[in-house]
Amino acid sequence: MGANEPFANLNWEQLQSRRDFLELMAKTSLLAAVSPLVSSCASTGNLIRINSVWENEFEITEDDKMGQMKEIVRYATLAPSGHNTQPWKFSIEDNSIRIFPDFTRQLPVVDPDHRELYISLGCALENLVIAARYAGYDSEVEYFPTAEPTECLLVNLKRFKTAENNILFQAIPERHTNRREYNGQQIPTADLNKLESVPKEEGITSLVLTESKIIEQIIELVKEGNEIQMNDDAFMDELISWIRFSDAEAEKHRDGLTSRAMGRSPVPGWLG
């Protein structure tokens, strides 16, 4: 069954609210694997203004240092975040960029201890470091330095050479979330081995699952977790508050989850 087929014979008038629509999505597996967070996906092709952030090439002007810094930050903001809340703020000062957690964009229901919020900050930091290297800067990162008056990630940039091309940098604007069917091809063993060979920080381990029996067990657990969340009113209310049901909503807020990001066709106008 294709991603949009469950909607083919649907009577939209039977849906009284956005909650009804979301529950339908859950029942048809269109919102599968929501737990613990729905990742962001912004390169959806439906909003020119928003997509321009992704499509504009990195602009480097040697005599415009502040312009370079702003471009580096722009690429940092293309990082994924839970429900695409974009829970970060940036400041630029001389050769330093600071990333601050923005708790006004927290998810108190699904992320009460801010675990995923800080993961989102880490994603923004990684993008920033990659973009800085592309621009010709080396990065020295200080994680939540005690000398800072406000909790932040401090990135000190030092010019080390001319700008260089980088595969990771080129991949930043191409990143997106796919909630449609995959082609079923297995990930090459060589690629899995590369993932496992990446040096680990202390206390960090990796686990690669390839056995179909174990994968099926995990799928059932994910389905069970998904059902529990979809029956949680607080979870549903929080999720709905971050879904942009129409292009107009997405244009207005410039955050949250768009229809195409969630792997479905546009919804009726009265839902938007």
C-alpha atoms as a PDB file:
ATOM      1  CA  MET A   1       0.000   0.000   0.000  1.00  0.00           C
ATOM      2  CA  GLY A   2       1.402   3.412  -0.958  1.00  0.00           C
ATOM      3  CA  ALA A   3       1.844   6.217   1.525  1.00  0.00           C
ATOM      4  CA  ASN A   4      -1.283   8.090   0.447  1.00  0.00           C
ATOM      5  CA  GLU A   5      -3.567   5.193  -0.488  1.00  0.00           C
ATOM      6  CA  PRO A   6      -5.451   5.084   2.846  1.00  0.00           C
ATOM      7  CA  PHE A   7      -6.861   8.529   1.965  1.00  0.00           C
ATOM      8  CA  ALA A   8      -8.148   7.604  -1.485  1.00  0.00           C
ATOM      9  CA  ASN A   9     -11.715   6.782  -0.431  1.00  0.00           C
ATOM     10  CA  LEU A  10     -11.846   8.911   2.706  1.00  0.00           C
ATOM     11  CA  ASN A  11     -14.813  11.179   3.408  1.00  0.00           C
ATOM     12  CA  TRP A  12     -13.069  14.261   4.781  1.00  0.00           C
ATOM     13  CA  GLU A  13     -16.301  15.584   6.276  1.00  0.00           C
ATOM     14  CA  GLN A  14     -16.239  12.721   8.766  1.00  0.00           C
ATOM     15  CA  LEU A  15     -13.167  14.266  10.366  1.00  0.00           C
ATOM     16  CA  GLN A  16     -14.217  16.869  12.913  1.00  0.00           C
ATOM     17  CA  SER A  17     -10.823  18.066  14.109  1.00  0.00           C
ATOM     18  CA  ARG A  18      -7.090  17.905  13.701  1.00  0.00           C
ATOM     19  CA  ARG A  19      -7.050  15.320  16.462  1.00  0.00           C
ATOM     20  CA  ASP A  20      -9.333  13.082  14.366  1.00  0.00           C
ATOM     21  CA  PHE A  21      -6.980  13.488  11.439  1.00  0.00           C
ATOM     22  CA  LEU A  22      -3.928  12.620  13.525  1.00  0.00           C
ATOM     23  CA  GLU A  23      -5.627   9.564  14.963  1.00  0.00           C
ATOM     24  CA  LEU A  24      -6.448   8.431  11.430  1.00  0.00           C
ATOM     25  CA  MET A  25      -2.814   8.846  10.480  1.00  0.00           C
ATOM     26  CA  ALA A  26      -1.775   6.716  13.423  1.00  0.00           C
ATOM     27  CA  LYS A  27      -4.212   3.960  12.486  1.00  0.00           C
ATOM     28  CA  THR A  28      -2.946   3.898   8.910  1.00  0.00           C
ATOM     29  CA  SER A  29       0.684   3.874  10.059  1.00  0.00           C
ATOM     30  CA  LEU A  30       1.378   7.216   8.402  1.00  0.00           C
ATOM     31  CA  LEU A  31       2.724   8.529  11.678  1.00  0.00           C
ATOM     32  CA  ALA A  32       4.709   5.416  12.499  1.00  0.00           C
ATOM     33  CA  ALA A  33       7.686   5.595  14.799  1.00  0.00           C
ATOM     34  CA  VAL A  34       6.777   8.901  16.396  1.00  0.00           C
ATOM     35  CA  SER A  35       8.404   7.897  19.675  1.00  0.00           C
ATOM     36  CA  PRO A  36      10.192   9.613  21.290  1.00  0.00           C
ATOM     37  CA  LEU A  37      10.170  12.610  18.960  1.00  0.00           C
ATOM     38  CA  VAL A  38       9.245  13.378  15.407  1.00  0.00           C
ATOM     39  CA  SER A  39      12.415  14.604  13.740  1.00  0.00           C
ATOM     40  CA  SER A  40      12.452  17.759  11.698  1.00  0.00           C
ATOM     41  CA  CYS A  41      12.249  17.891   7.954  1.00  0.00           C
ATOM     42  CA  ALA A  42      12.162  21.262   6.320  1.00  0.00           C
ATOM     43  CA  SER A  43      13.334  20.749   2.753  1.00  0.00           C
ATOM     44  CA  THR A  44       9.831  19.834   1.628  1.00  0.00           C
ATOM     45  CA  GLY A  45       9.572  21.846  -1.576  1.00  0.00           C
ATOM     46  CA  ASN A  46       6.320  23.616  -0.703  1.00  0.00           C
ATOM     47  CA  LEU A  47       7.454  26.989   0.605  1.00  0.00           C
ATOM     48  CA  ILE A  48       9.743  29.216  -1.409  1.00  0.00           C
ATOM     49  CA  ARG A  49      10.702  31.541   1.439  1.00  0.00           C
ATOM     50  CA  ILE A  50      11.440  28.760   3.875  1.00  0.00           C
ATOM     51  CA  ASN A  51      13.183  26.577   1.335  1.00  0.00           C
ATOM     52  CA  SER A  52      15.420  29.441   0.285  1.00  0.00           C
ATOM     53  CA  VAL A  53      17.279  28.889   3.541  1.00  0.00           C
ATOM     54  CA  TRP A  54      18.258  25.467   2.220  1.00  0.00           C
ATOM     55  CA  GLU A  55      18.733  26.315  -1.426  1.00  0.00           C
ATOM     56  CA  ASN A  56      20.880  29.451  -1.160  1.00  0.00           C
ATOM     57  CA  GLU A  57      24.540  28.636  -1.611  1.00  0.00           C
ATOM     58  CA  PHE A  58      27.037  29.443   1.115  1.00  0.00           C
ATOM     59  CA  GLU A  59      28.229  32.982   0.482  1.00  0.00           C
ATOM     60  CA  ILE A  60      31.848  33.672   1.426  1.00  0.00           C
ATOM     61  CA  THR A  61      33.221  37.188   1.203  1.00  0.00           C
ATOM     62  CA  GLU A  62      36.772  37.465   2.481  1.00  0.00           C
ATOM     63  CA  ASP A  63      36.384  41.052   3.712  1.00  0.00           C
ATOM     64  CA  ASP A  64      33.007  40.476   5.377  1.00  0.00           C
ATOM     65  CA  LYS A  65      33.772  38.540   8.545  1.00  0.00           C
ATOM     66  CA  MET A  66      30.360  39.109  10.118  1.00  0.00           C
ATOM     67  CA  GLY A  67      28.723  37.918   6.919  1.00  0.00           C
ATOM     68  CA  GLN A  68      30.769  34.722   7.086  1.00  0.00           C
ATOM     69  CA  MET A  69      29.773  34.175  10.703  1.00  0.00           C
ATOM     70  CA  LYS A  70      26.099  34.634   9.862  1.00  0.00           C
ATOM     71  CA  GLU A  71      26.375  32.125   7.017  1.00  0.00           C
ATOM     72  CA  ILE A  72      27.966  29.615   9.390  1.00  0.00           C
ATOM     73  CA  VAL A  73      25.086  30.124  11.821  1.00  0.00           C
ATOM     74  CA  ARG A  74      22.568  29.793   8.980  1.00  0.00           C
ATOM     75  CA  TYR A  75      23.901  26.346   8.196  1.00  0.00           C
ATOM     76  CA  ALA A  76      23.802  25.467  11.895  1.00  0.00           C
ATOM     77  CA  THR A  77      20.069  26.223  11.923  1.00  0.00           C
ATOM     78  CA  LEU A  78      19.494  23.581   9.246  1.00  0.00           C
ATOM     79  CA  ALA A  79      20.084  20.910  11.900  1.00  0.00           C
ATOM     80  CA  PRO A  80      17.281  18.532  12.869  1.00  0.00           C
ATOM     81  CA  SER A  81      15.387  18.986  16.126  1.00  0.00           C
ATOM     82  CA  GLY A  82      12.515  17.269  17.886  1.00  0.00           C
ATOM     83  CA  HIS A  83       9.199  18.272  16.263  1.00  0.00           C
ATOM     84  CA  ASN A  84      11.356  20.821  14.394  1.00  0.00           C
ATOM     85  CA  THR A  85      11.094  23.112  17.427  1.00  0.00           C
ATOM     86  CA  GLN A  86      14.522  24.627  16.667  1.00  0.00           C
ATOM     87  CA  PRO A  87      15.267  25.085  20.408  1.00  0.00           C
ATOM     88  CA  TRP A  88      18.363  27.246  20.046  1.00  0.00           C
ATOM     89  CA  LYS A  89      19.644  30.792  19.987  1.00  0.00           C
ATOM     90  CA  PHE A  90      22.961  32.068  18.659  1.00  0.00           C
ATOM     91  CA  SER A  91      25.241  34.978  19.418  1.00  0.00           C
ATOM     92  CA  ILE A  92      28.280  36.161  17.454  1.00  0.00           C
ATOM     93  CA  GLU A  93      31.166  38.001  19.079  1.00  0.00           C
ATOM     94  CA  ASP A  94      34.555  38.540  17.430  1.00  0.00           C
ATOM     95  CA  ASN A  95      35.800  35.024  16.605  1.00  0.00           C
ATOM     96  CA  SER A  96      33.285  33.219  18.802  1.00  0.00           C
ATOM     97  CA  ILE A  97      29.811  31.821  18.269  1.00  0.00           C
ATOM     98  CA  ARG A  98      27.646  30.730  21.185  1.00  0.00           C
ATOM     99  CA  ILE A  99      24.712  28.340  21.026  1.00  0.00           C
ATOM    100  CA  PHE A 100      22.142  28.731  23.798  1.00  0.00           C
ATOM    101  CA  PRO A 101      19.260  26.389  24.654  1.00  0.00           C
ATOM    102  CA  ASP A 102      15.909  28.074  24.081  1.00  0.00           C
ATOM    103  CA  PHE A 103      13.616  26.636  26.717  1.00  0.00           C
ATOM    104  CA  THR A 104      10.647  28.566  25.355  1.00  0.00           C
ATOM    105  CA  ARG A 105      10.689  25.886  22.645  1.00  0.00           C
ATOM    106  CA  GLN A 106      10.905  22.905  24.940  1.00  0.00           C
ATOM    107  CA  LEU A 107       8.589  19.889  24.748  1.00  0.00           C
ATOM    108  CA  PRO A 108       7.517  19.328  28.365  1.00  0.00           C
ATOM    109  CA  VAL A 109       5.386  16.264  27.624  1.00  0.00           C
ATOM    110  CA  VAL A 110       7.574  14.178  25.351  1.00  0.00           C
ATOM    111  CA  ASP A 111      10.920  15.584  26.530  1.00  0.00           C
ATOM    112  CA  PRO A 112      10.507  16.550  30.212  1.00  0.00           C
ATOM    113  CA  ASP A 113      14.200  16.209  31.070  1.00  0.00           C
ATOM    114  CA  HIS A 114      15.345  18.102  27.929  1.00  0.00           C
ATOM    115  CA  ARG A 115      17.364  15.143  26.688  1.00  0.00           C
ATOM    116  CA  GLU A 116      16.259  15.566  23.086  1.00  0.00           C
ATOM    117  CA  LEU A 117      16.576  19.354  23.333  1.00  0.00           C
ATOM    118  CA  TYR A 118      20.273  18.990  24.106  1.00  0.00           C
ATOM    119  CA  ILE A 119      20.662  16.420  21.343  1.00  0.00           C
ATOM    120  CA  SER A 120      19.213  19.054  19.000  1.00  0.00           C
ATOM    121  CA  LEU A 121      21.841  21.539  20.218  1.00  0.00           C
ATOM    122  CA  GLY A 122      24.497  18.946  19.439  1.00  0.00           C
ATOM    123  CA  CYS A 123      23.159  18.614  15.899  1.00  0.00           C
ATOM    124  CA  ALA A 124      23.307  22.388  15.434  1.00  0.00           C
ATOM    125  CA  LEU A 125      26.851  22.398  16.795  1.00  0.00           C
ATOM    126  CA  GLU A 126      27.948  19.702  14.352  1.00  0.00           C
ATOM    127  CA  ASN A 127      26.517  21.644  11.417  1.00  0.00           C
ATOM    128  CA  LEU A 128      28.243  24.785  12.667  1.00  0.00           C
ATOM    129  CA  VAL A 129      31.648  23.106  12.916  1.00  0.00           C
ATOM    130  CA  ILE A 130      31.281  21.575   9.442  1.00  0.00           C
ATOM    131  CA  ALA A 131      30.210  24.898   7.904  1.00  0.00           C
ATOM    132  CA  ALA A 132      33.040  26.725   9.664  1.00  0.00           C
ATOM    133  CA  ARG A 133      35.592  24.333   8.226  1.00  0.00           C
ATOM    134  CA  TYR A 134      34.122  24.844   4.772  1.00  0.00           C
ATOM    135  CA  ALA A 135      34.605  28.586   5.284  1.00  0.00           C
ATOM    136  CA  GLY A 136      38.216  28.052   6.322  1.00  0.00           C
ATOM    137  CA  TYR A 137      37.930  28.103  10.108  1.00  0.00           C
ATOM    138  CA  ASP A 138      39.093  25.585  12.671  1.00  0.00           C
ATOM    139  CA  SER A 139      36.764  25.174  15.650  1.00  0.00           C
ATOM    140  CA  GLU A 140      37.568  24.820  19.320  1.00  0.00           C
ATOM    141  CA  VAL A 141      34.460  23.813  21.239  1.00  0.00           C
ATOM    142  CA  GLU A 142      33.859  24.409  24.929  1.00  0.00           C
ATOM    143  CA  TYR A 143      30.877  22.535  26.311  1.00  0.00           C
ATOM    144  CA  PHE A 144      28.906  24.617  28.803  1.00  0.00           C
ATOM    145  CA  PRO A 145      31.932  26.520  30.181  1.00  0.00           C
ATOM    146  CA  THR A 146      31.455  27.541  33.806  1.00  0.00           C
ATOM    147  CA  ALA A 147      32.900  30.999  33.135  1.00  0.00           C
ATOM    148  CA  GLU A 148      29.935  31.868  30.931  1.00  0.00           C
ATOM    149  CA  PRO A 149      27.071  33.697  32.694  1.00  0.00           C
ATOM    150  CA  THR A 150      24.498  31.745  30.677  1.00  0.00           C
ATOM    151  CA  GLU A 151      24.526  28.047  29.791  1.00  0.00           C
ATOM    152  CA  CYS A 152      25.866  27.661  26.268  1.00  0.00           C
ATOM    153  CA  LEU A 153      28.110  25.877  23.816  1.00  0.00           C
ATOM    154  CA  LEU A 154      31.061  28.126  22.992  1.00  0.00           C
ATOM    155  CA  VAL A 155      32.771  27.765  19.613  1.00  0.00           C
ATOM    156  CA  ASN A 156      36.007  29.679  19.096  1.00  0.00           C
ATOM    157  CA  LEU A 157      36.932  30.004  15.429  1.00  0.00           C
ATOM    158  CA  LYS A 158      40.443  30.404  14.090  1.00  0.00           C
ATOM    159  CA  ARG A 159      41.249  31.030  10.444  1.00  0.00           C
ATOM    160  CA  PHE A 160      43.516  28.237   9.260  1.00  0.00           C
ATOM    161  CA  LYS A 161      43.363  28.269   5.477  1.00  0.00           C
ATOM    162  CA  THR A 162      41.210  29.082   2.511  1.00  0.00           C
ATOM    163  CA  ALA A 163      37.765  27.571   2.213  1.00  0.00           C
ATOM    164  CA  GLU A 164      37.645  23.914   1.294  1.00  0.00           C
ATOM    165  CA  ASN A 165      34.987  21.701  -0.209  1.00  0.00           C
ATOM    166  CA  ASN A 166      33.587  19.036   2.046  1.00  0.00           C
ATOM    167  CA  ILE A 167      31.207  16.146   1.431  1.00  0.00           C
ATOM    168  CA  LEU A 168      29.592  16.593   4.832  1.00  0.00           C
ATOM    169  CA  PHE A 169      29.021  20.282   4.170  1.00  0.00           C
ATOM    170  CA  GLN A 170      27.385  19.543   0.825  1.00  0.00           C
ATOM    171  CA  ALA A 171      25.090  17.066   2.575  1.00  0.00           C
ATOM    172  CA  ILE A 172      23.688  19.596   5.081  1.00  0.00           C
ATOM    173  CA  PRO A 173      21.035  21.157   2.789  1.00  0.00           C
ATOM    174  CA  GLU A 174      20.182  17.705   1.396  1.00  0.00           C
ATOM    175  CA  ARG A 175      19.205  16.273   4.781  1.00  0.00           C
ATOM    176  CA  HIS A 176      15.554  15.384   5.164  1.00  0.00           C
ATOM    177  CA  THR A 177      13.310  12.953   6.973  1.00  0.00           C
ATOM    178  CA  ASN A 178      11.668  10.194   4.959  1.00  0.00           C
ATOM    179  CA  ARG A 179       8.427   8.720   6.280  1.00  0.00           C
ATOM    180  CA  ARG A 180       7.506   6.971   3.085  1.00  0.00           C
ATOM    181  CA  GLU A 181       8.452   3.467   2.048  1.00  0.00           C
ATOM    182  CA  TYR A 182      12.107   2.679   1.501  1.00  0.00           C
ATOM    183  CA  ASN A 183      13.292   0.588  -1.425  1.00  0.00           C
ATOM    184  CA  GLY A 184      14.020  -2.433   0.767  1.00  0.00           C
ATOM    185  CA  GLN A 185      17.715  -2.571  -0.050  1.00  0.00           C
ATOM    186  CA  GLN A 186      20.013  -3.617   2.756  1.00  0.00           C
ATOM    187  CA  ILE A 187      22.666  -1.225   4.025  1.00  0.00           C
ATOM    188  CA  PRO A 188      26.024  -2.533   2.746  1.00  0.00           C
ATOM    189  CA  THR A 189      28.029  -4.377   5.385  1.00  0.00           C
ATOM    190  CA  ALA A 190      31.014  -2.147   4.651  1.00  0.00           C
ATOM    191  CA  ASP A 191      28.967   0.917   5.630  1.00  0.00           C
ATOM    192  CA  LEU A 192      27.792  -0.729   8.845  1.00  0.00           C
ATOM    193  CA  ASN A 193      31.388  -1.603   9.676  1.00  0.00           C
ATOM    194  CA  LYS A 194      32.369   2.030   9.170  1.00  0.00           C
ATOM    195  CA  LEU A 195      29.700   3.125  11.630  1.00  0.00           C
ATOM    196  CA  GLU A 196      30.911   0.638  14.213  1.00  0.00           C
ATOM    197  CA  SER A 197      34.536   1.687  13.731  1.00  0.00           C
ATOM    198  CA  VAL A 198      33.920   5.349  14.555  1.00  0.00           C
ATOM    199  CA  PRO A 199      35.809   6.235  17.764  1.00  0.00           C
ATOM    200  CA  LYS A 200      33.487   6.344  20.753  1.00  0.00           C
ATOM    201  CA  GLU A 201      33.450   8.791  23.620  1.00  0.00           C
ATOM    202  CA  GLU A 202      33.740   7.348  27.100  1.00  0.00           C
ATOM    203  CA  GLY A 203      30.531   5.606  28.096  1.00  0.00           C
ATOM    204  CA  ILE A 204      29.218   5.488  24.525  1.00  0.00           C
ATOM    205  CA  THR A 205      28.554   2.217  22.717  1.00  0.00           C
ATOM    206  CA  SER A 206      26.991   1.352  19.381  1.00  0.00           C
ATOM    207  CA  LEU A 207      24.632  -1.459  18.495  1.00  0.00           C
ATOM    208  CA  VAL A 208      23.944  -2.530  14.921  1.00  0.00           C
ATOM    209  CA  LEU A 209      20.972  -4.848  14.474  1.00  0.00           C
ATOM    210  CA  THR A 210      20.754  -6.861  11.281  1.00  0.00           C
ATOM    211  CA  GLU A 211      18.914 -10.044  12.277  1.00  0.00           C
ATOM    212  CA  SER A 212      15.375  -9.997  10.911  1.00  0.00           C
ATOM    213  CA  LYS A 213      13.950 -11.719  13.998  1.00  0.00           C
ATOM    214  CA  ILE A 214      15.291  -9.016  16.322  1.00  0.00           C
ATOM    215  CA  ILE A 215      14.228  -6.268  13.935  1.00  0.00           C
ATOM    216  CA  GLU A 216      10.670  -7.625  13.906  1.00  0.00           C
ATOM    217  CA  GLN A 217      10.635  -7.594  17.706  1.00  0.00           C
ATOM    218  CA  ILE A 218      11.772  -3.974  17.728  1.00  0.00           C
ATOM    219  CA  ILE A 219       9.095  -3.061  15.181  1.00  0.00           C
ATOM    220  CA  GLU A 220       6.424  -4.475  17.483  1.00  0.00           C
ATOM    221  CA  LEU A 221       7.820  -2.505  20.426  1.00  0.00           C
ATOM    222  CA  VAL A 222       7.812   0.683  18.355  1.00  0.00           C
ATOM    223  CA  LYS A 223       4.200   0.058  17.334  1.00  0.00           C
ATOM    224  CA  GLU A 224       3.231  -0.516  20.955  1.00  0.00           C
ATOM    225  CA  GLY A 225       4.979   2.669  22.058  1.00  0.00           C
ATOM    226  CA  ASN A 226       3.355   4.578  19.229  1.00  0.00           C
ATOM    227  CA  GLU A 227      -0.095   3.384  20.270  1.00  0.00           C
ATOM    228  CA  ILE A 228       0.527   4.364  23.895  1.00  0.00           C
ATOM    229  CA  GLN A 229       1.539   7.858  22.853  1.00  0.00           C
ATOM    230  CA  MET A 230      -1.394   8.292  20.493  1.00  0.00           C
ATOM    231  CA  ASN A 231      -3.748   7.467  23.362  1.00  0.00           C
ATOM    232  CA  ASP A 232      -2.109  10.077  25.593  1.00  0.00           C
ATOM    233  CA  ASP A 233      -4.099  13.323  25.401  1.00  0.00           C
ATOM    234  CA  ALA A 234      -1.189  15.452  26.617  1.00  0.00           C
ATOM    235  CA  PHE A 235       1.123  13.976  23.985  1.00  0.00           C
ATOM    236  CA  MET A 236      -1.440  14.511  21.246  1.00  0.00           C
ATOM    237  CA  ASP A 237      -2.090  18.115  22.245  1.00  0.00           C
ATOM    238  CA  GLU A 238       1.622  18.895  22.256  1.00  0.00           C
ATOM    239  CA  LEU A 239       2.185  17.183  18.912  1.00  0.00           C
ATOM    240  CA  ILE A 240      -0.764  18.957  17.286  1.00  0.00           C
ATOM    241  CA  SER A 241       0.548  22.311  18.487  1.00  0.00           C
ATOM    242  CA  TRP A 242       3.708  21.768  16.425  1.00  0.00           C
ATOM    243  CA  ILE A 243       2.068  20.449  13.246  1.00  0.00           C
ATOM    244  CA  ARG A 244       1.633  23.001  10.466  1.00  0.00           C
ATOM    245  CA  PHE A 245      -1.439  21.712   8.670  1.00  0.00           C
ATOM    246  CA  SER A 246      -1.229  24.181   5.799  1.00  0.00           C
ATOM    247  CA  ASP A 247       1.361  26.088   3.816  1.00  0.00           C
ATOM    248  CA  ALA A 248       0.049  29.285   5.403  1.00  0.00           C
ATOM    249  CA  GLU A 249       0.755  27.951   8.889  1.00  0.00           C
ATOM    250  CA  ALA A 250       4.226  26.804   7.900  1.00  0.00           C
ATOM    251  CA  GLU A 251       4.948  30.190   6.348  1.00  0.00           C
ATOM    252  CA  LYS A 252       3.740  31.975   9.476  1.00  0.00           C
ATOM    253  CA  HIS A 253       5.636  29.929  12.066  1.00  0.00           C
ATOM    254  CA  ARG A 254       8.618  28.686  10.025  1.00  0.00           C
ATOM    255  CA  ASP A 255       9.038  25.764  12.384  1.00  0.00           C
ATOM    256  CA  GLY A 256       7.176  22.598  13.309  1.00  0.00           C
ATOM    257  CA  LEU A 257       6.142  19.698  11.112  1.00  0.00           C
ATOM    258  CA  THR A 258       4.716  20.322   7.659  1.00  0.00           C
ATOM    259  CA  SER A 259       2.389  17.953   5.841  1.00  0.00           C
ATOM    260  CA  ARG A 260       5.022  16.841   3.353  1.00  0.00           C
ATOM    261  CA  ALA A 261       7.566  16.357   6.107  1.00  0.00           C
ATOM    262  CA  MET A 262       5.201  13.817   7.619  1.00  0.00           C
ATOM    263  CA  GLY A 263       4.960  11.829   4.419  1.00  0.00           C
ATOM    264  CA  ARG A 264       1.410  12.624   3.388  1.00  0.00           C
ATOM    265  CA  SER A 265      -0.549  14.646   0.895  1.00  0.00           C
ATOM    266  CA  PRO A 266      -1.960  18.078   1.767  1.00  0.00           C
ATOM    267  CA  VAL A 267      -4.965  18.042   4.078  1.00  0.00           C
ATOM    268  CA  PRO A 268      -8.317  19.719   3.440  1.00  0.00           C
ATOM    269  CA  GLY A 269      -8.323  23.487   3.773  1.00  0.00           C
ATOM    270  CA  TRP A 270     -10.667  23.487   6.756  1.00  0.00           C
ATOM    271  CA  LEU A 271      -8.073  21.518   8.741  1.00  0.00           C
ATOM    272  CA  GLY A 272      -5.449  24.164   7.966  1.00  0.00           C
END
